[in-house]
C-alpha atoms as a PDB file:
ATOM      1  CA  MET A   1      19.645  -9.783  -6.149  1.00  0.00           C
ATOM      2  CA  ALA A   2      16.193  -8.908  -4.809  1.00  0.00           C
ATOM      3  CA  ARG A   3      15.491 -10.089  -1.305  1.00  0.00           C
ATOM      4  CA  LYS A   4      12.689 -12.604  -0.939  1.00  0.00           C
ATOM      5  CA  PRO A   5       9.548 -11.732   1.013  1.00  0.00           C
ATOM      6  CA  GLY A   6      10.510 -13.982   3.925  1.00  0.00           C
ATOM      7  CA  PHE A   7       8.897 -16.970   5.639  1.00  0.00           C
ATOM      8  CA  LEU A   8       5.704 -17.907   7.390  1.00  0.00           C
ATOM      9  CA  LEU A   9       5.546 -16.056  10.701  1.00  0.00           C
ATOM     10  CA  THR A  10       4.892 -17.814  13.979  1.00  0.00           C
ATOM     11  CA  PRO A  11       4.465 -16.044  17.347  1.00  0.00           C
ATOM     12  CA  GLN A  12       8.007 -17.051  18.309  1.00  0.00           C
ATOM     13  CA  LYS A  13       9.366 -15.445  15.132  1.00  0.00           C
ATOM     14  CA  ALA A  14       7.658 -12.070  15.573  1.00  0.00           C
ATOM     15  CA  PRO A  15      10.686 -10.379  17.251  1.00  0.00           C
ATOM     16  CA  GLU A  16      12.915 -11.749  14.492  1.00  0.00           C
ATOM     17  CA  ARG A  17      10.614 -10.311  11.838  1.00  0.00           C
ATOM     18  CA  ARG A  18      10.676  -6.890  13.540  1.00  0.00           C
ATOM     19  CA  ARG A  19      14.480  -6.934  13.767  1.00  0.00           C
ATOM     20  CA  TRP A  20      14.741  -8.042  10.126  1.00  0.00           C
ATOM     21  CA  ALA A  21      12.329  -5.299   9.022  1.00  0.00           C
ATOM     22  CA  ALA A  22      14.264  -2.674  11.004  1.00  0.00           C
ATOM     23  CA  ARG A  23      17.523  -3.747   9.368  1.00  0.00           C
ATOM     24  CA  GLY A  24      15.843  -3.536   5.972  1.00  0.00           C
ATOM     25  CA  ARG A  25      14.664   0.028   6.626  1.00  0.00           C
ATOM     26  CA  GLN A  26      18.120   1.055   7.834  1.00  0.00           C
ATOM     27  CA  GLY A  27      19.672  -0.484   4.734  1.00  0.00           C
ATOM     28  CA  ARG A  28      17.250   1.363   2.489  1.00  0.00           C
ATOM     29  CA  ARG A  29      18.110   4.669   4.172  1.00  0.00           C
ATOM     30  CA  ARG A  30      21.827   4.005   3.722  1.00  0.00           C
ATOM     31  CA  ALA A  31      21.266   3.082   0.075  1.00  0.00           C
ATOM     32  CA  GLN A  32      19.303   6.269  -0.447  1.00  0.00           C
ATOM     33  CA  GLY A  33      22.299   8.203   0.807  1.00  0.00           C
ATOM     34  CA  ARG A  34      24.575   6.433  -1.678  1.00  0.00           C
ATOM     35  CA  VAL A  35      22.393   6.554  -4.759  1.00  0.00           C
ATOM     36  CA  MET A  36      20.639   9.628  -6.049  1.00  0.00           C
ATOM     37  CA  ALA A  37      16.941   8.930  -5.714  1.00  0.00           C
ATOM     38  CA  ALA A  38      16.310  10.423  -9.148  1.00  0.00           C
ATOM     39  CA  ALA A  39      17.501   7.138 -10.631  1.00  0.00           C
ATOM     40  CA  ARG A  40      14.445   5.346  -9.252  1.00  0.00           C
ATOM     41  CA  VAL A  41      11.771   7.218 -11.245  1.00  0.00           C
ATOM     42  CA  GLN A  42      12.592   8.298 -14.785  1.00  0.00           C
ATOM     43  CA  LEU A  43      10.606   9.804 -17.627  1.00  0.00           C
ATOM     44  CA  LEU A  44      10.860   9.066 -21.323  1.00  0.00           C
ATOM     45  CA  LEU A  45      10.123  12.382 -23.018  1.00  0.00           C
ATOM     46  CA  ALA A  46      10.682  13.111 -26.711  1.00  0.00           C
ATOM     47  CA  GLY A  47      12.738   9.939 -26.975  1.00  0.00           C
ATOM     48  CA  ARG A  48      15.082  10.921 -24.129  1.00  0.00           C
ATOM     49  CA  LEU A  49      15.300   9.178 -20.759  1.00  0.00           C
ATOM     50  CA  GLU A  50      15.781  11.568 -17.860  1.00  0.00           C
ATOM     51  CA  SER A  51      15.595  11.511 -14.082  1.00  0.00           C
ATOM     52  CA  VAL A  52      12.952  13.502 -12.238  1.00  0.00           C
ATOM     53  CA  SER A  53      14.134  16.210  -9.869  1.00  0.00           C
ATOM     54  CA  PHE A  54      12.621  16.139  -6.373  1.00  0.00           C
ATOM     55  CA  ALA A  55      10.930  19.526  -6.806  1.00  0.00           C
ATOM     56  CA  ARG A  56       9.278  18.782 -10.161  1.00  0.00           C
ATOM     57  CA  SER A  57       5.765  17.450 -10.570  1.00  0.00           C
ATOM     58  CA  VAL A  58       5.806  14.079 -12.315  1.00  0.00           C
ATOM     59  CA  CYS A  59       2.208  14.602 -13.418  1.00  0.00           C
ATOM     60  CA  GLY A  60       3.081  18.030 -14.790  1.00  0.00           C
ATOM     61  CA  LEU A  61       6.065  16.741 -16.740  1.00  0.00           C
ATOM     62  CA  LEU A  62       3.799  14.151 -18.341  1.00  0.00           C
ATOM     63  CA  GLY A  63       1.436  16.862 -19.559  1.00  0.00           C
ATOM     64  CA  ALA A  64      -1.053  16.974 -16.702  1.00  0.00           C
ATOM     65  CA  GLY A  65      -3.376  19.944 -16.446  1.00  0.00           C
ATOM     66  CA  PRO A  66      -4.251  21.887 -13.296  1.00  0.00           C
ATOM     67  CA  GLY A  67      -6.618  19.222 -11.929  1.00  0.00           C
ATOM     68  CA  PRO A  68      -5.807  16.048 -10.007  1.00  0.00           C
ATOM     69  CA  GLY A  69      -6.264  13.688 -12.962  1.00  0.00           C
ATOM     70  CA  PRO A  70      -6.064  10.829 -13.602  1.00  0.00           C
ATOM     71  CA  TRP A  71      -3.870  10.829 -16.710  1.00  0.00           C
ATOM     72  CA  PRO A  72      -3.102   7.694 -18.752  1.00  0.00           C
ATOM     73  CA  THR A  73       0.570   6.811 -18.369  1.00  0.00           C
ATOM     74  CA  TYR A  74       2.713   4.093 -19.894  1.00  0.00           C
ATOM     75  CA  CYS A  75       5.135   2.480 -17.510  1.00  0.00           C
ATOM     76  CA  GLY A  76       7.848  -0.131 -17.382  1.00  0.00           C
ATOM     77  CA  LEU A  77      10.278  -1.411 -14.767  1.00  0.00           C
ATOM     78  CA  GLU A  78      13.938  -2.011 -15.524  1.00  0.00           C
ATOM     79  CA  GLY A  79      16.385  -2.947 -12.778  1.00  0.00           C
ATOM     80  CA  GLY A  80      14.533  -1.189  -9.971  1.00  0.00           C
ATOM     81  CA  ARG A  81      13.671   1.884 -12.066  1.00  0.00           C
ATOM     82  CA  LEU A  82      10.137   2.923 -12.914  1.00  0.00           C
ATOM     83  CA  ILE A  83      10.064   4.431 -16.412  1.00  0.00           C
ATOM     84  CA  LEU A  84       7.036   6.586 -17.268  1.00  0.00           C
ATOM     85  CA  SER A  85       5.902   8.164 -20.513  1.00  0.00           C
ATOM     86  CA  ASP A  86       2.776   9.712 -22.005  1.00  0.00           C
ATOM     87  CA  LYS A  87       3.331   7.557 -25.105  1.00  0.00           C
ATOM     88  CA  PRO A  88       3.903   3.814 -25.547  1.00  0.00           C
ATOM     89  CA  PHE A  89       7.541   2.747 -25.738  1.00  0.00           C
ATOM     90  CA  PRO A  90       9.470  -0.521 -26.144  1.00  0.00           C
ATOM     91  CA  GLY A  91       9.420  -2.308 -22.807  1.00  0.00           C
ATOM     92  CA  SER A  92       6.361  -0.544 -21.440  1.00  0.00           C
ATOM     93  CA  ALA A  93       4.416  -3.178 -19.548  1.00  0.00           C
ATOM     94  CA  ALA A  94       1.159  -1.399 -18.760  1.00  0.00           C
ATOM     95  CA  LYS A  95      -0.937   1.699 -19.359  1.00  0.00           C
ATOM     96  CA  LEU A  96      -2.046   2.932 -15.949  1.00  0.00           C
ATOM     97  CA  PRO A  97      -3.912   5.952 -14.556  1.00  0.00           C
ATOM     98  CA  LEU A  98      -1.632   8.432 -12.797  1.00  0.00           C
ATOM     99  CA  GLN A  99      -3.146  10.796 -10.244  1.00  0.00           C
ATOM    100  CA  ARG A 100      -2.112  13.260  -7.551  1.00  0.00           C
ATOM    101  CA  PRO A 101      -4.059  14.812  -4.656  1.00  0.00           C
ATOM    102  CA  PRO A 102      -5.762  18.163  -5.285  1.00  0.00           C
ATOM    103  CA  PHE A 103      -3.427  19.763  -2.733  1.00  0.00           C
ATOM    104  CA  CYS A 104      -0.182  18.352  -4.172  1.00  0.00           C
ATOM    105  CA  PRO A 105       2.531  20.963  -3.365  1.00  0.00           C
ATOM    106  CA  PHE A 106       4.436  20.204  -6.578  1.00  0.00           C
ATOM    107  CA  ALA A 107       1.475  21.036  -8.835  1.00  0.00           C
ATOM    108  CA  ALA A 108       2.157  24.795  -8.743  1.00  0.00           C
ATOM    109  CA  LEU A 109       5.405  25.097  -6.845  1.00  0.00           C
ATOM    110  CA  ASP A 110       6.616  28.175  -8.716  1.00  0.00           C
ATOM    111  CA  GLN A 111       3.420  30.094  -7.929  1.00  0.00           C
ATOM    112  CA  GLN A 112       3.470  29.426  -4.163  1.00  0.00           C
ATOM    113  CA  PRO A 113       5.505  31.343  -1.573  1.00  0.00           C
ATOM    114  CA  ARG A 114       8.384  29.322  -0.207  1.00  0.00           C
ATOM    115  CA  PRO A 115       8.504  28.921   3.585  1.00  0.00           C
ATOM    116  CA  PRO A 116      11.295  30.926   5.306  1.00  0.00           C
ATOM    117  CA  GLY A 117      14.557  29.002   5.278  1.00  0.00           C
ATOM    118  CA  ALA A 118      13.243  26.291   2.940  1.00  0.00           C
ATOM    119  CA  GLU A 119      15.663  25.221   0.231  1.00  0.00           C
ATOM    120  CA  LEU A 120      14.974  23.034  -2.762  1.00  0.00           C
ATOM    121  CA  PRO A 121      16.903  19.736  -2.579  1.00  0.00           C
ATOM    122  CA  ALA A 122      19.639  19.870  -5.199  1.00  0.00           C
ATOM    123  CA  ASN A 123      20.656  16.210  -5.361  1.00  0.00           C
ATOM    124  CA  ARG A 124      17.440  14.308  -4.798  1.00  0.00           C
ATOM    125  CA  GLY A 125      14.928  12.666  -7.057  1.00  0.00           C
ATOM    126  CA  VAL A 126      11.542  11.018  -6.642  1.00  0.00           C
ATOM    127  CA  ASP A 127      11.330   7.866  -4.565  1.00  0.00           C
ATOM    128  CA  LEU A 128       9.629   4.677  -5.731  1.00  0.00           C
ATOM    129  CA  GLY A 129       7.029   2.950  -3.579  1.00  0.00           C
ATOM    130  CA  VAL A 130       4.621   0.050  -3.901  1.00  0.00           C
ATOM    131  CA  ALA A 131       1.379  -0.691  -2.060  1.00  0.00           C
ATOM    132  CA  VAL A 132      -0.610  -3.926  -2.073  1.00  0.00           C
ATOM    133  CA  ILE A 133      -4.381  -3.988  -2.329  1.00  0.00           C
ATOM    134  CA  LEU A 134      -4.809  -7.510  -0.937  1.00  0.00           C
ATOM    135  CA  GLN A 135      -8.130  -9.026  -2.004  1.00  0.00           C
ATOM    136  CA  SER A 136      -9.471 -12.132  -0.297  1.00  0.00           C
ATOM    137  CA  SER A 137     -11.287 -14.836  -2.235  1.00  0.00           C
ATOM    138  CA  ASP A 138     -14.583 -13.448  -0.906  1.00  0.00           C
ATOM    139  CA  GLN A 139     -13.851  -9.959  -2.303  1.00  0.00           C
ATOM    140  CA  THR A 140     -12.781  -7.899   0.672  1.00  0.00           C
ATOM    141  CA  VAL A 141      -9.570  -5.850   0.849  1.00  0.00           C
ATOM    142  CA  LEU A 142      -7.139  -5.283   3.701  1.00  0.00           C
ATOM    143  CA  LEU A 143      -6.372  -1.833   5.123  1.00  0.00           C
ATOM    144  CA  THR A 144      -4.021  -1.050   7.991  1.00  0.00           C
ATOM    145  CA  ARG A 145      -3.843   1.984  10.250  1.00  0.00           C
ATOM    146  CA  ARG A 146      -0.358   3.440  10.592  1.00  0.00           C
ATOM    147  CA  THR A 147       0.833   4.087  14.137  1.00  0.00           C
ATOM    148  CA  ARG A 148       0.828   7.608  15.559  1.00  0.00           C
ATOM    149  CA  THR A 149       4.603   7.507  16.058  1.00  0.00           C
ATOM    150  CA  LEU A 150       5.546   7.143  12.374  1.00  0.00           C
ATOM    151  CA  ARG A 151       7.119  10.195  10.743  1.00  0.00           C
ATOM    152  CA  VAL A 152       5.211   9.846   7.479  1.00  0.00           C
ATOM    153  CA  SER A 153       1.398   9.745   7.365  1.00  0.00           C
ATOM    154  CA  PRO A 154       0.766   8.739  10.987  1.00  0.00           C
ATOM    155  CA  ASN A 155      -2.703   7.519  11.972  1.00  0.00           C
ATOM    156  CA  LEU A 156      -3.864   7.035   8.371  1.00  0.00           C
ATOM    157  CA  TRP A 157      -5.638   3.993   6.940  1.00  0.00           C
ATOM    158  CA  VAL A 158      -3.620   2.634   4.019  1.00  0.00           C
ATOM    159  CA  PRO A 159      -2.827  -0.687   2.324  1.00  0.00           C
ATOM    160  CA  PRO A 160       0.464  -2.379   3.253  1.00  0.00           C
ATOM    161  CA  GLY A 161       3.363  -0.895   1.321  1.00  0.00           C
ATOM    162  CA  GLY A 162       6.613   1.025   1.340  1.00  0.00           C
ATOM    163  CA  HIS A 163       9.809   1.735  -0.580  1.00  0.00           C
ATOM    164  CA  VAL A 164      11.075  -0.573  -3.297  1.00  0.00           C
ATOM    165  CA  GLU A 165      14.639  -1.689  -2.701  1.00  0.00           C
ATOM    166  CA  LEU A 166      17.401  -1.246  -5.247  1.00  0.00           C
ATOM    167  CA  ASP A 167      17.057  -3.791  -8.079  1.00  0.00           C
ATOM    168  CA  GLU A 168      13.964  -5.271  -6.420  1.00  0.00           C
ATOM    169  CA  GLU A 169      11.043  -6.286  -8.607  1.00  0.00           C
ATOM    170  CA  LEU A 170       7.835  -4.436  -7.819  1.00  0.00           C
ATOM    171  CA  LEU A 171       5.880  -7.542  -6.884  1.00  0.00           C
ATOM    172  CA  ASP A 172       8.696  -8.767  -4.635  1.00  0.00           C
ATOM    173  CA  GLY A 173       8.771  -5.382  -2.936  1.00  0.00           C
ATOM    174  CA  GLY A 174       5.023  -5.417  -2.382  1.00  0.00           C
ATOM    175  CA  LEU A 175       5.049  -8.941  -0.958  1.00  0.00           C
ATOM    176  CA  ARG A 176       7.978  -8.079   1.292  1.00  0.00           C
ATOM    177  CA  GLU A 177       6.213  -4.998   2.657  1.00  0.00           C
ATOM    178  CA  LEU A 178       3.032  -7.026   3.167  1.00  0.00           C
ATOM    179  CA  TRP A 179       5.015  -9.545   5.193  1.00  0.00           C
ATOM    180  CA  GLU A 180       6.952  -6.938   7.182  1.00  0.00           C
ATOM    181  CA  GLU A 181       3.786  -5.078   8.207  1.00  0.00           C
ATOM    182  CA  THR A 182       1.212  -7.849   8.623  1.00  0.00           C
ATOM    183  CA  GLY A 183       3.103 -11.147   8.886  1.00  0.00           C
ATOM    184  CA  LEU A 184       1.262 -12.477   5.830  1.00  0.00           C
ATOM    185  CA  ARG A 185       3.367 -14.473   3.390  1.00  0.00           C
ATOM    186  CA  LEU A 186       1.591 -15.467   0.186  1.00  0.00           C
ATOM    187  CA  ALA A 187       2.759 -18.721  -1.355  1.00  0.00           C
ATOM    188  CA  GLN A 188       3.568 -18.773  -5.060  1.00  0.00           C
ATOM    189  CA  GLY A 189       0.694 -20.251  -7.054  1.00  0.00           C
ATOM    190  CA  GLN A 190      -1.844 -19.191  -4.423  1.00  0.00           C
ATOM    191  CA  PHE A 191      -2.453 -15.684  -5.731  1.00  0.00           C
ATOM    192  CA  SER A 192      -2.647 -13.596  -8.900  1.00  0.00           C
ATOM    193  CA  TRP A 193      -1.814  -9.948  -9.345  1.00  0.00           C
ATOM    194  CA  VAL A 194      -2.285  -6.958 -11.639  1.00  0.00           C
ATOM    195  CA  PRO A 195      -1.035  -3.332 -11.485  1.00  0.00           C
ATOM    196  CA  LEU A 196      -3.849  -0.888 -10.702  1.00  0.00           C
ATOM    197  CA  GLY A 197      -2.484   2.633 -10.954  1.00  0.00           C
ATOM    198  CA  LEU A 198       0.119   5.249  -9.994  1.00  0.00           C
ATOM    199  CA  TRP A 199      -0.085   7.932  -7.305  1.00  0.00           C
ATOM    200  CA  GLU A 200       2.156  10.981  -6.864  1.00  0.00           C
ATOM    201  CA  SER A 201       2.426  11.919  -3.210  1.00  0.00           C
ATOM    202  CA  ALA A 202       4.409  14.198  -0.922  1.00  0.00           C
ATOM    203  CA  TYR A 203       4.826  14.536   2.835  1.00  0.00           C
ATOM    204  CA  PRO A 204       4.109  16.926   4.398  1.00  0.00           C
ATOM    205  CA  PRO A 205       1.428  17.319   1.702  1.00  0.00           C
ATOM    206  CA  ARG A 206       1.177  21.135   1.831  1.00  0.00           C
ATOM    207  CA  LEU A 207       3.754  23.891   1.689  1.00  0.00           C
ATOM    208  CA  SER A 208       2.076  25.577   4.663  1.00  0.00           C
ATOM    209  CA  TRP A 209       3.642  22.787   6.742  1.00  0.00           C
ATOM    210  CA  GLY A 210       7.117  23.520   5.415  1.00  0.00           C
ATOM    211  CA  PHE A 211       8.764  22.215   2.279  1.00  0.00           C
ATOM    212  CA  PRO A 212       7.968  18.516   1.735  1.00  0.00           C
ATOM    213  CA  LYS A 213      10.618  16.080   2.914  1.00  0.00           C
ATOM    214  CA  TYR A 214       9.369  13.135   0.852  1.00  0.00           C
ATOM    215  CA  HIS A 215       8.236  12.834  -2.763  1.00  0.00           C
ATOM    216  CA  HIS A 216       7.031   9.483  -4.062  1.00  0.00           C
ATOM    217  CA  ILE A 217       5.496   7.731  -6.984  1.00  0.00           C
ATOM    218  CA  VAL A 218       3.539   4.811  -5.550  1.00  0.00           C
ATOM    219  CA  LEU A 219       2.440   1.869  -7.693  1.00  0.00           C
ATOM    220  CA  TYR A 220      -0.703   0.148  -6.429  1.00  0.00           C
ATOM    221  CA  LEU A 221      -0.766  -3.592  -7.054  1.00  0.00           C
ATOM    222  CA  LEU A 222      -3.933  -5.664  -6.764  1.00  0.00           C
ATOM    223  CA  VAL A 223      -2.952  -9.034  -5.284  1.00  0.00           C
ATOM    224  CA  ILE A 224      -5.806 -11.569  -5.317  1.00  0.00           C
ATOM    225  CA  SER A 225      -5.413 -14.368  -2.802  1.00  0.00           C
ATOM    226  CA  GLN A 226      -7.090 -17.755  -3.115  1.00  0.00           C
ATOM    227  CA  GLU A 227      -7.690 -17.668   0.647  1.00  0.00           C
ATOM    228  CA  SER A 228     -10.807 -16.232   2.278  1.00  0.00           C
ATOM    229  CA  GLN A 229     -10.843 -13.259   4.629  1.00  0.00           C
ATOM    230  CA  GLN A 230     -11.227 -15.637   7.565  1.00  0.00           C
ATOM    231  CA  GLN A 231      -8.227 -17.722   6.499  1.00  0.00           C
ATOM    232  CA  LEU A 232      -6.038 -14.659   5.963  1.00  0.00           C
ATOM    233  CA  GLN A 233      -7.107 -13.033   9.208  1.00  0.00           C
ATOM    234  CA  ALA A 234      -6.141 -16.156  11.143  1.00  0.00           C
ATOM    235  CA  ARG A 235      -2.562 -15.681   9.914  1.00  0.00           C
ATOM    236  CA  ILE A 236      -2.208 -11.919  10.378  1.00  0.00           C
ATOM    237  CA  GLN A 237       0.299 -10.823  13.004  1.00  0.00           C
ATOM    238  CA  PRO A 238       0.826  -7.073  12.537  1.00  0.00           C
ATOM    239  CA  ASN A 239       4.091  -5.333  13.295  1.00  0.00           C
ATOM    240  CA  PRO A 240       3.132  -2.996  16.192  1.00  0.00           C
ATOM    241  CA  SER A 241       5.901  -0.527  15.306  1.00  0.00           C
ATOM    242  CA  GLU A 242       4.087   0.258  12.036  1.00  0.00           C
ATOM    243  CA  VAL A 243       0.482  -0.954  12.362  1.00  0.00           C
ATOM    244  CA  SER A 244      -1.978  -0.012  15.120  1.00  0.00           C
ATOM    245  CA  ALA A 245      -5.126  -1.584  13.614  1.00  0.00           C
ATOM    246  CA  PHE A 246      -6.398  -3.408  10.534  1.00  0.00           C
ATOM    247  CA  MET A 247      -9.720  -4.094   8.839  1.00  0.00           C
ATOM    248  CA  TRP A 248     -11.305  -5.729   5.804  1.00  0.00           C
ATOM    249  CA  LEU A 249     -13.509  -3.593   3.554  1.00  0.00           C
ATOM    250  CA  GLY A 250     -16.216  -4.893   1.263  1.00  0.00           C
ATOM    251  CA  PRO A 251     -17.232  -3.214  -2.011  1.00  0.00           C
ATOM    252  CA  ASP A 252     -20.143  -1.185  -0.598  1.00  0.00           C
ATOM    253  CA  ILE A 253     -18.178   0.656   2.063  1.00  0.00           C
ATOM    254  CA  ALA A 254     -15.127   0.871  -0.200  1.00  0.00           C
ATOM    255  CA  ALA A 255     -17.286   2.646  -2.799  1.00  0.00           C
ATOM    256  CA  ALA A 256     -18.466   5.205  -0.220  1.00  0.00           C
ATOM    257  CA  VAL A 257     -14.872   5.793   0.918  1.00  0.00           C
ATOM    258  CA  ALA A 258     -13.591   6.179  -2.648  1.00  0.00           C
ATOM    259  CA  ALA A 259     -16.320   8.741  -3.377  1.00  0.00           C
ATOM    260  CA  THR A 260     -15.271  11.175  -0.627  1.00  0.00           C
ATOM    261  CA  GLU A 261     -13.704  14.364  -1.931  1.00  0.00           C
ATOM    262  CA  ASP A 262     -10.422  15.428  -0.380  1.00  0.00           C
ATOM    263  CA  GLY A 263      -9.192  19.000  -0.358  1.00  0.00           C
ATOM    264  CA  THR A 264     -12.592  20.407   0.636  1.00  0.00           C
ATOM    265  CA  GLU A 265     -14.336  21.293   3.875  1.00  0.00           C
ATOM    266  CA  ALA A 266     -17.723  20.086   2.686  1.00  0.00           C
ATOM    267  CA  PRO A 267     -19.445  17.859   5.270  1.00  0.00           C
ATOM    268  CA  ARG A 268     -19.929  14.227   4.352  1.00  0.00           C
ATOM    269  CA  ILE A 269     -23.417  12.781   4.820  1.00  0.00           C
ATOM    270  CA  LEU A 270     -23.429   9.079   5.626  1.00  0.00           C
ATOM    271  CA  PRO A 271     -25.424   7.166   2.971  1.00  0.00           C
ATOM    272  CA  ALA A 272     -28.564   5.710   4.500  1.00  0.00           C
ATOM    273  CA  ASP A 273     -27.830   2.148   3.387  1.00  0.00           C
ATOM    274  CA  LEU A 274     -24.385   1.948   5.030  1.00  0.00           C
ATOM    275  CA  PRO A 275     -23.800   0.570   8.543  1.00  0.00           C
ATOM    276  CA  LEU A 276     -22.899   3.087  11.237  1.00  0.00           C
ATOM    277  CA  SER A 277     -19.742   1.173  12.136  1.00  0.00           C
ATOM    278  CA  VAL A 278     -17.208  -1.192  10.591  1.00  0.00           C
ATOM    279  CA  GLY A 279     -15.482  -4.051  12.369  1.00  0.00           C
ATOM    280  CA  ALA A 280     -11.737  -3.690  12.880  1.00  0.00           C
ATOM    281  CA  MET A 281      -8.952  -5.241  14.932  1.00  0.00           C
ATOM    282  CA  GLU A 282      -6.961  -2.844  17.105  1.00  0.00           C
ATOM    283  CA  LEU A 283      -3.605  -3.600  18.688  1.00  0.00           C
ATOM    284  CA  GLU A 284      -3.340  -2.985  22.409  1.00  0.00           C
ATOM    285  CA  GLU A 285      -0.244  -4.022  24.372  1.00  0.00           C
ATOM    286  CA  GLY A 286       0.731  -6.458  21.655  1.00  0.00           C
ATOM    287  CA  ARG A 287      -2.692  -8.091  21.345  1.00  0.00           C
ATOM    288  CA  ALA A 288      -5.455  -7.532  18.813  1.00  0.00           C
ATOM    289  CA  ARG A 289      -8.987  -6.842  20.016  1.00  0.00           C
ATOM    290  CA  ALA A 290     -12.171  -6.365  18.022  1.00  0.00           C
ATOM    291  CA  VAL A 291     -13.518  -2.798  17.866  1.00  0.00           C
ATOM    292  CA  ALA A 292     -16.364  -1.039  16.066  1.00  0.00           C
ATOM    293  CA  LEU A 293     -14.935   1.865  14.062  1.00  0.00           C
ATOM    294  CA  PRO A 294     -17.468   4.563  13.109  1.00  0.00           C
ATOM    295  CA  THR A 295     -18.000   4.458   9.367  1.00  0.00           C
ATOM    296  CA  SER A 296     -17.944   8.259   9.380  1.00  0.00           C
ATOM    297  CA  THR A 297     -14.235   8.077  10.317  1.00  0.00           C
ATOM    298  CA  LEU A 298     -13.505   6.335   7.008  1.00  0.00           C
ATOM    299  CA  LEU A 299     -15.556   8.930   5.119  1.00  0.00           C
ATOM    300  CA  ARG A 300     -13.694  11.860   6.643  1.00  0.00           C
ATOM    301  CA  ASN A 301     -12.341  14.425   4.172  1.00  0.00           C
ATOM    302  CA  THR A 302      -8.871  15.923   4.244  1.00  0.00           C
ATOM    303  CA  PRO A 303      -9.521  19.658   4.732  1.00  0.00           C
ATOM    304  CA  PRO A 304      -7.183  21.931   2.762  1.00  0.00           C
ATOM    305  CA  THR A 305      -5.863  23.718   5.865  1.00  0.00           C
ATOM    306  CA  ALA A 306      -5.566  20.795   8.293  1.00  0.00           C
ATOM    307  CA  GLU A 307      -2.249  20.618  10.115  1.00  0.00           C
ATOM    308  CA  ASP A 308      -2.892  17.643  12.369  1.00  0.00           C
ATOM    309  CA  ASN A 309      -3.277  13.981  11.453  1.00  0.00           C
ATOM    310  CA  PRO A 310      -6.852  12.912  12.162  1.00  0.00           C
ATOM    311  CA  GLU A 311      -7.689   9.277  11.673  1.00  0.00           C
ATOM    312  CA  ARG A 312      -8.916   8.876   8.105  1.00  0.00           C
ATOM    313  CA  VAL A 313      -8.305   7.043   4.852  1.00  0.00           C
ATOM    314  CA  SER A 314      -5.438   8.521   2.849  1.00  0.00           C
ATOM    315  CA  SER A 315      -6.173  10.236  -0.468  1.00  0.00           C
ATOM    316  CA  GLY A 316      -4.068   7.743  -2.428  1.00  0.00           C
ATOM    317  CA  THR A 317      -5.928   4.847  -0.809  1.00  0.00           C
ATOM    318  CA  LYS A 318      -9.261   6.312  -1.918  1.00  0.00           C
ATOM    319  CA  PHE A 319      -7.896   6.459  -5.458  1.00  0.00           C
ATOM    320  CA  ALA A 320      -6.739   2.827  -5.238  1.00  0.00           C
ATOM    321  CA  LEU A 321     -10.068   1.642  -3.841  1.00  0.00           C
ATOM    322  CA  GLY A 322     -11.824   3.251  -6.796  1.00  0.00           C
ATOM    323  CA  LEU A 323      -9.542   1.376  -9.188  1.00  0.00           C
ATOM    324  CA  TRP A 324     -10.194  -1.882  -7.303  1.00  0.00           C
ATOM    325  CA  LEU A 325     -13.939  -1.392  -7.685  1.00  0.00           C
ATOM    326  CA  GLN A 326     -13.451  -0.868 -11.422  1.00  0.00           C
ATOM    327  CA  GLN A 327     -11.665  -4.228 -11.563  1.00  0.00           C
ATOM    328  CA  LEU A 328     -14.658  -5.806  -9.825  1.00  0.00           C
ATOM    329  CA  GLY A 329     -17.025  -4.127 -12.274  1.00  0.00           C
ATOM    330  CA  ARG A 330     -18.743  -2.194  -9.457  1.00  0.00           C
END
């Protein structure tokens, strides 16, 4: 049975939430060791259902060309499995855009030199993740900055999200991750939701860093709250082990962020009508303080040869913000 997202957090319950979240992550790692991850993401090709090997490009198997996409993909969820196909099939719930970053290491794996000592995983598949684009009633969305100490994507601005547990519904997984990372619990009947799109990601994202250790398909869910940004912010209590800052983006800045081009070294010129800084809340010794984050930080590209983790918005988040703006008709 899928685990419920939790309960309303109070300051006294924050340590309990962190312990509960840590146990959940440990349980997910143990489950991953017991169950081949290929069972989580499966493709329906030529009428046959098959698991996706870790070292295969999901986009490529679905007929993607050399570019990043997006490609229209039919998807359905059955018992914790995400089933994808380039054609409609019984049980497919949505037709969503699927995209990958321009520097995805799985796009041309056979044509790239393999790092010394790197071996292709023989018994691993593609993991399943979910991320929540939380929209307030006044049309702003929540982004969080991952802490520098995290193994995957440290110091990046992303929406709340993470792995989907075995047999967990996608929405339940998204709400659970939202609660684990931000302390926000959304009451049933006080929000609506819609799937936005699919993102194929790997970490490290380039073979020059060594063979990737993680390979995910992430489903972005747009969750629309009936509460305003001010009401939601009053209830946010981020988990400091995962979140170092958070902010709310409006459509104008989100559009500028979504328009930045990753995988290039081209300089980004700040549009004249955008503010020079964006308000954010940064965690310091367990307390949140207001800071002014330079807007240019959010517009930073991901250069193709970068080997550090500069503060920036992740490529998948830019893709999701673009889909959110389409939903708004912007």
